[in-house]
Protein backbone atom coordinates (compact mmCIF):
# COMPACT_ATOMS: atom_id res chain seq x y z
CA MET A 1 -27.59 22.52 -31.13
CA ASN A 2 -27.39 18.69 -31.80
CA LYS A 3 -26.37 16.88 -28.65
CA ILE A 4 -24.18 13.90 -28.20
CA TYR A 5 -23.27 12.21 -24.82
CA ILE A 6 -20.04 10.30 -24.60
CA ILE A 7 -20.68 7.95 -21.63
CA GLY A 8 -18.47 5.79 -19.51
CA ILE A 9 -20.50 2.84 -18.44
CA GLY A 10 -17.87 1.23 -15.99
CA PRO A 11 -17.73 -2.57 -16.28
CA GLY A 12 -21.35 -2.40 -17.82
CA LYS A 13 -23.67 -3.43 -14.71
CA GLU A 14 -26.19 -0.80 -13.74
CA GLU A 15 -25.04 -0.75 -10.15
CA MET A 16 -21.76 0.40 -11.21
CA MET A 17 -22.75 3.07 -13.50
CA THR A 18 -23.13 6.64 -12.22
CA GLY A 19 -26.54 8.02 -11.65
CA GLN A 20 -25.72 10.71 -14.07
CA ALA A 21 -24.91 8.12 -16.84
CA LEU A 22 -28.07 6.11 -16.26
CA ARG A 23 -30.23 9.14 -16.29
CA ILE A 24 -28.79 10.33 -19.64
CA LEU A 25 -28.90 6.94 -21.23
CA ARG A 26 -32.63 6.71 -20.40
CA GLN A 27 -33.26 10.00 -21.93
CA CYS A 28 -31.47 9.29 -25.21
CA ASP A 29 -33.07 8.07 -28.42
CA THR A 30 -30.01 6.15 -29.86
CA ILE A 31 -27.21 4.30 -28.23
CA ILE A 32 -24.15 3.62 -30.18
CA GLY A 33 -21.26 1.48 -29.10
CA TYR A 34 -19.08 -1.55 -29.66
CA THR A 35 -21.28 -4.64 -29.89
CA VAL A 36 -19.94 -6.26 -26.69
CA TYR A 37 -20.68 -2.97 -24.70
CA LEU A 38 -24.23 -2.81 -26.02
CA GLU A 39 -24.90 -6.40 -24.82
CA LEU A 40 -23.91 -5.34 -21.32
CA LEU A 41 -26.59 -2.86 -20.95
CA GLU A 42 -29.73 -3.39 -18.88
CA ASP A 43 -33.08 -4.62 -20.58
CA ASP A 44 -34.66 -1.37 -20.27
CA LEU A 45 -31.84 0.36 -22.32
CA LYS A 46 -31.88 -2.34 -24.93
CA ASP A 47 -35.21 -0.96 -26.04
CA LYS A 48 -33.74 1.97 -27.42
CA GLU A 49 -32.28 2.33 -30.97
CA LEU A 50 -28.86 0.46 -30.79
CA MET A 51 -26.05 0.97 -33.42
CA SER A 52 -22.80 -0.69 -33.38
CA THR A 53 -19.55 -1.38 -35.28
CA PRO A 54 -17.07 -4.33 -34.62
CA MET A 55 -13.69 -3.63 -32.89
CA LEU A 56 -11.14 -1.61 -34.78
CA GLN A 57 -13.89 0.50 -36.42
CA GLU A 58 -13.92 3.44 -33.90
CA GLU A 59 -13.89 6.17 -36.41
CA LYS A 60 -16.82 4.96 -38.19
CA ARG A 61 -18.80 4.59 -34.85
CA CYS A 62 -17.95 8.26 -34.07
CA VAL A 63 -19.14 9.39 -37.47
CA MET A 64 -22.41 7.34 -36.91
CA CYS A 65 -22.82 9.49 -33.80
CA TYR A 66 -22.62 12.59 -35.58
CA GLU A 67 -24.73 11.63 -38.37
CA GLU A 68 -27.49 10.48 -36.02
CA ALA A 69 -27.28 13.69 -34.17
CA MET A 70 -27.70 15.61 -37.32
CA LYS A 71 -31.19 13.95 -37.77
CA GLY A 72 -32.16 15.57 -34.42
CA LYS A 73 -31.85 12.49 -32.42
CA LYS A 74 -30.41 12.61 -28.86
CA VAL A 75 -27.35 10.29 -29.14
CA ALA A 76 -25.16 8.42 -26.57
CA LEU A 77 -21.75 6.96 -27.50
CA ILE A 78 -20.91 4.41 -24.78
CA CYS A 79 -17.43 3.20 -23.72
CA SER A 80 -16.44 0.67 -21.05
CA GLY A 81 -14.88 2.18 -17.88
CA ASP A 82 -14.36 5.97 -18.39
CA ALA A 83 -14.72 7.36 -21.97
CA GLY A 84 -11.86 9.87 -21.32
CA ILE A 85 -9.54 7.11 -20.12
CA TYR A 86 -8.27 5.02 -23.08
CA GLY A 87 -11.85 5.64 -24.39
CA MET A 88 -13.50 7.38 -27.29
CA ALA A 89 -13.73 10.93 -25.99
CA SER A 90 -10.64 12.44 -27.47
CA LEU A 91 -11.36 10.78 -31.01
CA MET A 92 -14.91 12.23 -30.93
CA TYR A 93 -13.59 15.71 -30.36
CA GLU A 94 -11.11 15.28 -33.08
CA ILE A 95 -13.74 14.28 -35.68
CA GLY A 96 -16.07 16.75 -34.23
CA LYS A 97 -14.14 19.44 -35.96
CA ALA A 98 -16.20 18.60 -39.13
CA TYR A 99 -19.47 18.84 -37.39
CA PRO A 100 -19.72 22.41 -35.71
CA GLU A 101 -23.39 22.06 -35.53
CA CYS A 102 -23.09 19.28 -32.87
CA GLU A 103 -22.23 19.69 -29.22
CA ILE A 104 -20.60 16.78 -27.05
CA GLU A 105 -20.65 16.28 -23.41
CA VAL A 106 -18.43 13.67 -21.75
CA VAL A 107 -20.12 11.66 -18.80
CA PRO A 108 -17.60 10.16 -16.47
CA GLY A 109 -17.58 6.40 -15.64
CA VAL A 110 -15.76 4.20 -13.22
CA THR A 111 -12.51 3.14 -14.84
CA ALA A 112 -10.73 -0.28 -14.12
CA ALA A 113 -8.03 1.41 -12.27
CA SER A 114 -10.48 2.47 -9.47
CA SER A 115 -12.91 -0.52 -9.65
CA GLY A 116 -10.10 -2.90 -9.74
CA ALA A 117 -8.31 -1.06 -6.82
CA ALA A 118 -11.45 -1.48 -4.79
CA VAL A 119 -11.42 -5.22 -5.20
CA LEU A 120 -7.71 -5.63 -4.49
CA GLY A 121 -7.49 -3.35 -1.41
CA ALA A 122 -5.89 0.05 -1.60
CA PRO A 123 -3.13 -0.10 -4.24
CA LEU A 124 -3.34 3.35 -5.55
CA ASN A 125 -3.58 5.29 -2.26
CA HIS A 126 -0.64 7.54 -3.16
CA ASP A 127 0.78 8.89 -6.33
CA PHE A 128 0.24 6.67 -9.36
CA CYS A 129 0.21 6.25 -13.08
CA VAL A 130 -1.83 4.15 -15.49
CA ILE A 131 0.02 2.53 -18.26
CA SER A 132 -1.48 0.49 -21.16
CA LEU A 133 0.75 -2.40 -22.65
CA SER A 134 -1.23 -2.33 -25.81
CA ASP A 135 1.10 -1.39 -28.77
CA LEU A 136 -1.73 -0.99 -31.26
CA LEU A 137 -1.67 2.80 -31.18
CA THR A 138 1.44 3.31 -28.98
CA PRO A 139 5.02 2.15 -30.06
CA TRP A 140 6.51 -0.46 -27.71
CA ASP A 141 9.70 1.47 -27.09
CA LYS A 142 7.54 4.33 -25.74
CA ILE A 143 5.56 1.98 -23.47
CA GLU A 144 9.01 0.48 -22.15
CA LYS A 145 10.21 4.04 -21.43
CA ARG A 146 7.08 4.92 -19.47
CA LEU A 147 7.41 1.67 -17.41
CA LEU A 148 11.06 2.53 -16.53
CA LEU A 149 10.33 6.06 -15.52
CA ALA A 150 7.43 5.13 -13.45
CA ALA A 151 9.53 2.58 -11.65
CA GLN A 152 12.24 5.08 -11.18
CA ALA A 153 9.75 7.73 -9.89
CA ASP A 154 8.26 5.04 -7.38
CA PHE A 155 4.84 5.42 -8.81
CA ALA A 156 2.17 2.73 -7.82
CA MET A 157 0.97 1.55 -11.24
CA ALA A 158 -2.21 0.34 -12.74
CA ILE A 159 -1.39 -1.62 -15.90
CA TYR A 160 -4.18 -2.00 -18.54
CA ASN A 161 -4.40 -4.47 -21.50
CA PRO A 162 -1.79 -6.93 -20.13
CA SER A 163 -2.40 -9.57 -22.51
CA SER A 164 -4.20 -10.76 -25.47
CA LYS A 165 -3.94 -13.62 -27.97
CA LYS A 166 -1.46 -11.67 -30.09
CA ARG A 167 0.37 -10.14 -27.01
CA HIS A 168 0.41 -13.28 -24.77
CA ASP A 169 3.76 -12.38 -23.28
CA TYR A 170 3.56 -8.69 -22.88
CA LEU A 171 3.06 -8.77 -19.09
CA GLN A 172 6.26 -10.91 -18.69
CA LYS A 173 8.11 -8.34 -21.00
CA ALA A 174 6.63 -5.56 -18.70
CA CYS A 175 7.83 -7.43 -15.42
CA ASP A 176 11.34 -7.79 -17.05
CA ILE A 177 11.52 -4.02 -17.67
CA LEU A 178 10.29 -3.27 -14.15
CA LEU A 179 12.79 -5.75 -12.58
CA ARG A 180 15.56 -3.62 -13.79
CA GLU A 181 14.42 -0.90 -11.33
CA ILE A 182 12.28 -2.70 -8.76
CA GLU A 183 13.14 -5.45 -6.20
CA PRO A 184 11.69 -9.05 -7.12
CA ASP A 185 9.70 -9.02 -3.90
CA ARG A 186 7.74 -5.82 -4.62
CA CYS A 187 4.00 -6.37 -3.58
CA CYS A 188 1.70 -6.57 -6.58
CA GLY A 189 -1.68 -7.94 -7.70
CA TYR A 190 -4.14 -8.15 -10.33
CA VAL A 191 -7.95 -8.40 -10.84
CA GLU A 192 -9.91 -10.36 -13.58
CA ASN A 193 -13.38 -9.71 -14.82
CA ILE A 194 -13.78 -6.55 -12.63
CA GLY A 195 -17.55 -5.85 -11.83
CA ARG A 196 -18.61 -8.86 -13.78
CA ASP A 197 -19.56 -12.60 -13.28
CA GLY A 198 -16.39 -14.24 -12.09
CA THR A 199 -14.50 -11.56 -10.50
CA LYS A 200 -11.31 -12.65 -8.72
CA TYR A 201 -8.03 -11.14 -7.46
CA THR A 202 -4.67 -12.35 -6.69
CA VAL A 203 -1.93 -10.72 -4.68
CA CYS A 204 1.77 -11.71 -5.43
CA THR A 205 5.33 -10.44 -5.70
CA LEU A 206 6.68 -8.81 -8.87
CA LYS A 207 8.85 -11.98 -9.49
CA GLU A 208 5.66 -14.14 -9.24
CA LEU A 209 3.65 -11.78 -11.27
CA ARG A 210 6.15 -12.34 -14.12
CA GLU A 211 5.08 -15.88 -14.31
CA LYS A 212 1.26 -15.45 -14.19
CA LYS A 213 -0.90 -15.98 -17.12
CA VAL A 214 -3.64 -13.27 -17.52
CA ASN A 215 -6.15 -12.32 -20.08
CA MET A 216 -7.44 -9.14 -21.75
CA PHE A 217 -10.14 -8.68 -18.89
CA THR A 218 -7.37 -8.27 -16.30
CA THR A 219 -6.14 -5.07 -14.63
CA VAL A 220 -2.60 -5.42 -13.03
CA PHE A 221 -1.33 -3.35 -10.01
CA ILE A 222 2.06 -2.65 -8.95
CA GLY A 223 2.67 -1.42 -5.53
CA ASN A 224 5.35 1.34 -4.75
CA SER A 225 8.21 0.91 -2.33
CA THR A 226 5.84 1.24 0.57
CA ALA A 227 3.21 -1.18 -0.40
CA GLU A 228 2.43 -4.40 1.63
CA ILE A 229 -0.12 -7.19 1.83
CA ILE A 230 -2.28 -6.75 4.65
CA ASP A 231 -4.92 -9.26 5.48
CA GLY A 232 -4.57 -10.55 2.00
CA LYS A 233 -4.97 -7.13 0.39
CA LEU A 234 -2.59 -4.95 -1.54
CA VAL A 235 -2.21 -1.75 0.19
CA THR A 236 -0.01 1.28 -0.79
CA LYS A 237 0.47 3.32 2.35
CA ARG A 238 -0.53 6.97 2.29
CA GLY A 239 2.39 8.00 4.61
CA TYR A 240 0.70 9.08 7.72
CA PRO A 241 3.10 9.46 10.63
CA SER A 242 2.89 6.49 13.17
CA GLU A 243 2.04 8.80 16.05
CA ARG A 244 -1.18 9.82 14.47
CA ARG A 245 -2.58 6.30 14.28
C-alpha cells in the first residue's frame, strides 16, 4: 500500500511541531506543500525532495501527492496548524477516491486556536467555537449566521482569517454582527504571528476590537460572558464554585 501522511506543522518551528510529525517528516522521501510552508521547515528537512504549488492550487498539490506515492515514495503533505482544521485533510480524502491503491494518515498539529490561546492567557477554557471570516469557500451570509448563533449561545470564539488585502474590513463587519448580541465591553483579544518572530498579543473590549487593524497572520479571540482580563491576560472562566478555590 502506498502511504501518504498529511501533517500539521503548527506555526512551522520545530519546537512547536509534535514529536510524531517530526519523526514522520524525517522518514519521508518527498515533502509537498504550499511554498511558504516549505520555507518554514528546518534545514535537515529541506534536504528532502520538496515539491510545491502556489496558493489556490490545492487540488493540484493533492494530486501531486498521490502521483508521487504511486511511484513508491513515502510522501508527506504539510499544512500549517492542523491539517484537519481548515487544512488539506478533507480534500485529500475526497481526491483519494480515485486512488484506492494509496493509504493516507492524518498527523495532528498545533492549530492557531490553541497556540494563540496559550499566548493570550486562557480564552478558550470553556465551550468554544472556531469561525473563519474567509468567504473564499464559504458564503458570507453563512459566516454571519454562525457568528450570530455563536454569540447567542455564549460561546467563546476563536476567529481565523480576520483580514486580508481584499477583506480589510471583515473584522469590523464581524464585530458589528457580534455587537447585535454582545455588550460592547466584552473582553476580547488577538495574537499576531503566533509561534514566529514578532509574536505579540493585545487584549481589548469588543468595541475597541472593532477599530483595530489586523493582518492575515492574526487570530482573534472573543470571550464569553464570564471572561475577564486578569494580569493583562484574557481568561474565560471554567465555572468552578468559589468555595473550591
